Every structure is written in C-alpha cells, then in structure tokens.
Amino acid sequence: MNRIKEVLEEKGIKQTWLAEKIGKSFSQTNAYVCNRRQPSLKQLFEIAKILNVDVKNLI
C-alpha cells in the first residue's frame, strides 16, 4: 500500500499531471494511486522527488 493518493490530494495535484511527469500512462498512474499496482522502488523515489516529499511519506 502506498500513500500517493493522499499526497496528491494534500498538494492539490492531479493524477494526469503526475502521469506526464513520470512518463507513464494515466491508467498506469491511476493503478499506482488506487493501490491496484505498486510502483517499483525506483519509481517510488522518482515520484517522491517530483512531489517534493520524502519517500517515507509515500509508504
């Protein structure tokens, strides 16, 4: 389980924006956000960097 959805909501960021920034499709990003799939550790660190949060805030 990850907290990507919560962090996006806290920051007022849309999933489409995140998808564009990480170079993934909206459906792939949505799967991460809704916890249907988990991003790789590398991807999780990239998401944390893009969202300007510590990776610990995403797990």
N, C-alpha and C. Protein backbone atom coordinates (compact mmCIF):
# COMPACT_ATOMS: atom_id res chain seq x y z
N MET A 1 0.84 -1.18 0.00
CA MET A 1 0.00 0.00 0.00
C MET A 1 0.89 1.25 0.00
N ASN A 2 0.44 2.24 -0.74
CA ASN A 2 1.18 3.50 -0.76
C ASN A 2 0.22 4.65 -0.47
N ARG A 3 0.79 5.81 -0.26
CA ARG A 3 0.02 7.00 0.08
C ARG A 3 0.06 8.05 -1.02
N ILE A 4 0.28 7.63 -2.24
CA ILE A 4 0.38 8.59 -3.34
C ILE A 4 -0.90 9.41 -3.45
N LYS A 5 -2.04 8.76 -3.35
CA LYS A 5 -3.32 9.46 -3.48
C LYS A 5 -3.45 10.56 -2.43
N GLU A 6 -3.12 10.24 -1.20
CA GLU A 6 -3.23 11.22 -0.12
C GLU A 6 -2.32 12.41 -0.35
N VAL A 7 -1.09 12.14 -0.78
CA VAL A 7 -0.14 13.23 -1.02
C VAL A 7 -0.61 14.10 -2.19
N LEU A 8 -1.11 13.48 -3.24
CA LEU A 8 -1.64 14.26 -4.37
C LEU A 8 -2.78 15.17 -3.90
N GLU A 9 -3.68 14.62 -3.09
CA GLU A 9 -4.81 15.41 -2.60
C GLU A 9 -4.33 16.55 -1.70
N GLU A 10 -3.37 16.27 -0.83
CA GLU A 10 -2.84 17.30 0.07
C GLU A 10 -2.23 18.45 -0.72
N LYS A 11 -1.58 18.12 -1.83
CA LYS A 11 -0.89 19.13 -2.62
C LYS A 11 -1.76 19.70 -3.74
N GLY A 12 -2.95 19.15 -3.92
CA GLY A 12 -3.83 19.64 -4.97
C GLY A 12 -3.33 19.33 -6.37
N ILE A 13 -2.68 18.18 -6.51
CA ILE A 13 -2.10 17.78 -7.79
C ILE A 13 -2.96 16.70 -8.43
N LYS A 14 -3.16 16.81 -9.73
CA LYS A 14 -3.97 15.84 -10.46
C LYS A 14 -3.12 14.66 -10.92
N GLN A 15 -3.77 13.52 -11.04
CA GLN A 15 -3.09 12.31 -11.50
C GLN A 15 -2.54 12.48 -12.91
N THR A 16 -3.25 13.22 -13.74
CA THR A 16 -2.78 13.42 -15.12
C THR A 16 -1.44 14.15 -15.14
N TRP A 17 -1.28 15.12 -14.25
CA TRP A 17 -0.02 15.86 -14.15
C TRP A 17 1.11 14.91 -13.74
N LEU A 18 0.84 14.10 -12.72
CA LEU A 18 1.85 13.15 -12.25
C LEU A 18 2.20 12.15 -13.35
N ALA A 19 1.20 11.66 -14.05
CA ALA A 19 1.44 10.70 -15.14
C ALA A 19 2.39 11.30 -16.18
N GLU A 20 2.15 12.54 -16.52
CA GLU A 20 3.01 13.22 -17.51
C GLU A 20 4.44 13.35 -16.98
N LYS A 21 4.58 13.70 -15.72
CA LYS A 21 5.90 13.91 -15.12
C LYS A 21 6.70 12.62 -15.01
N ILE A 22 6.03 11.51 -14.72
CA ILE A 22 6.76 10.24 -14.56
C ILE A 22 6.84 9.45 -15.86
N GLY A 23 6.19 9.97 -16.90
CA GLY A 23 6.27 9.31 -18.20
C GLY A 23 5.50 8.00 -18.28
N LYS A 24 4.42 7.92 -17.53
CA LYS A 24 3.56 6.73 -17.55
C LYS A 24 2.18 7.13 -18.04
N SER A 25 1.44 6.15 -18.50
CA SER A 25 0.07 6.43 -18.94
C SER A 25 -0.79 6.79 -17.73
N PHE A 26 -1.91 7.44 -18.02
CA PHE A 26 -2.83 7.76 -16.93
C PHE A 26 -3.30 6.48 -16.24
N SER A 27 -3.59 5.44 -17.01
CA SER A 27 -4.11 4.21 -16.40
C SER A 27 -3.08 3.56 -15.49
N GLN A 28 -1.81 3.61 -15.88
CA GLN A 28 -0.75 3.06 -15.02
C GLN A 28 -0.62 3.88 -13.75
N THR A 29 -0.62 5.19 -13.90
CA THR A 29 -0.52 6.08 -12.74
C THR A 29 -1.72 5.90 -11.82
N ASN A 30 -2.90 5.79 -12.41
CA ASN A 30 -4.11 5.58 -11.62
C ASN A 30 -4.03 4.27 -10.84
N ALA A 31 -3.45 3.25 -11.44
CA ALA A 31 -3.28 1.97 -10.74
C ALA A 31 -2.37 2.14 -9.52
N TYR A 32 -1.33 2.96 -9.65
CA TYR A 32 -0.46 3.26 -8.50
C TYR A 32 -1.25 4.01 -7.43
N VAL A 33 -1.96 5.04 -7.86
CA VAL A 33 -2.69 5.91 -6.94
C VAL A 33 -3.77 5.14 -6.19
N CYS A 34 -4.44 4.23 -6.87
CA CYS A 34 -5.54 3.47 -6.26
C CYS A 34 -5.07 2.16 -5.63
N ASN A 35 -3.76 1.96 -5.60
CA ASN A 35 -3.16 0.78 -4.98
C ASN A 35 -3.56 -0.53 -5.63
N ARG A 36 -3.89 -0.48 -6.92
CA ARG A 36 -4.12 -1.73 -7.65
C ARG A 36 -2.80 -2.34 -8.07
N ARG A 37 -1.81 -1.48 -8.28
CA ARG A 37 -0.44 -1.90 -8.59
C ARG A 37 0.49 -1.04 -7.76
N GLN A 38 1.67 -1.57 -7.49
CA GLN A 38 2.65 -0.81 -6.73
C GLN A 38 3.81 -0.43 -7.63
N PRO A 39 4.24 0.83 -7.54
CA PRO A 39 5.40 1.24 -8.34
C PRO A 39 6.66 0.55 -7.83
N SER A 40 7.63 0.43 -8.72
CA SER A 40 8.92 -0.11 -8.29
C SER A 40 9.54 0.87 -7.29
N LEU A 41 10.53 0.41 -6.58
CA LEU A 41 11.20 1.27 -5.62
C LEU A 41 11.81 2.48 -6.33
N LYS A 42 12.41 2.23 -7.48
CA LYS A 42 12.98 3.33 -8.27
C LYS A 42 11.90 4.34 -8.65
N GLN A 43 10.76 3.83 -9.10
CA GLN A 43 9.65 4.70 -9.50
C GLN A 43 9.11 5.47 -8.29
N LEU A 44 9.05 4.81 -7.14
CA LEU A 44 8.57 5.46 -5.93
C LEU A 44 9.48 6.63 -5.54
N PHE A 45 10.79 6.43 -5.65
CA PHE A 45 11.73 7.52 -5.36
C PHE A 45 11.56 8.66 -6.35
N GLU A 46 11.32 8.33 -7.61
CA GLU A 46 11.10 9.36 -8.64
C GLU A 46 9.83 10.16 -8.33
N ILE A 47 8.77 9.46 -7.94
CA ILE A 47 7.51 10.13 -7.60
C ILE A 47 7.72 11.05 -6.40
N ALA A 48 8.44 10.57 -5.40
CA ALA A 48 8.71 11.38 -4.21
C ALA A 48 9.46 12.65 -4.59
N LYS A 49 10.44 12.51 -5.47
CA LYS A 49 11.22 13.68 -5.90
C LYS A 49 10.33 14.67 -6.64
N ILE A 50 9.50 14.17 -7.53
CA ILE A 50 8.61 15.04 -8.31
C ILE A 50 7.62 15.76 -7.39
N LEU A 51 7.12 15.04 -6.38
CA LEU A 51 6.14 15.63 -5.46
C LEU A 51 6.80 16.43 -4.34
N ASN A 52 8.13 16.42 -4.33
CA ASN A 52 8.89 17.16 -3.33
C ASN A 52 8.54 16.70 -1.91
N VAL A 53 8.51 15.38 -1.73
CA VAL A 53 8.28 14.81 -0.40
C VAL A 53 9.31 13.72 -0.15
N ASP A 54 9.50 13.39 1.09
CA ASP A 54 10.36 12.26 1.45
C ASP A 54 9.64 10.98 1.03
N VAL A 55 10.38 10.04 0.53
CA VAL A 55 9.77 8.79 0.08
C VAL A 55 9.00 8.11 1.21
N LYS A 56 9.40 8.35 2.44
CA LYS A 56 8.69 7.78 3.60
C LYS A 56 7.25 8.26 3.66
N ASN A 57 6.98 9.43 3.12
CA ASN A 57 5.61 9.96 3.12
C ASN A 57 4.71 9.23 2.13
N LEU A 58 5.31 8.45 1.25
CA LEU A 58 4.52 7.74 0.24
C LEU A 58 4.24 6.29 0.62
N ILE A 59 4.86 5.84 1.70
CA ILE A 59 4.64 4.44 2.10
C ILE A 59 4.01 4.34 3.47
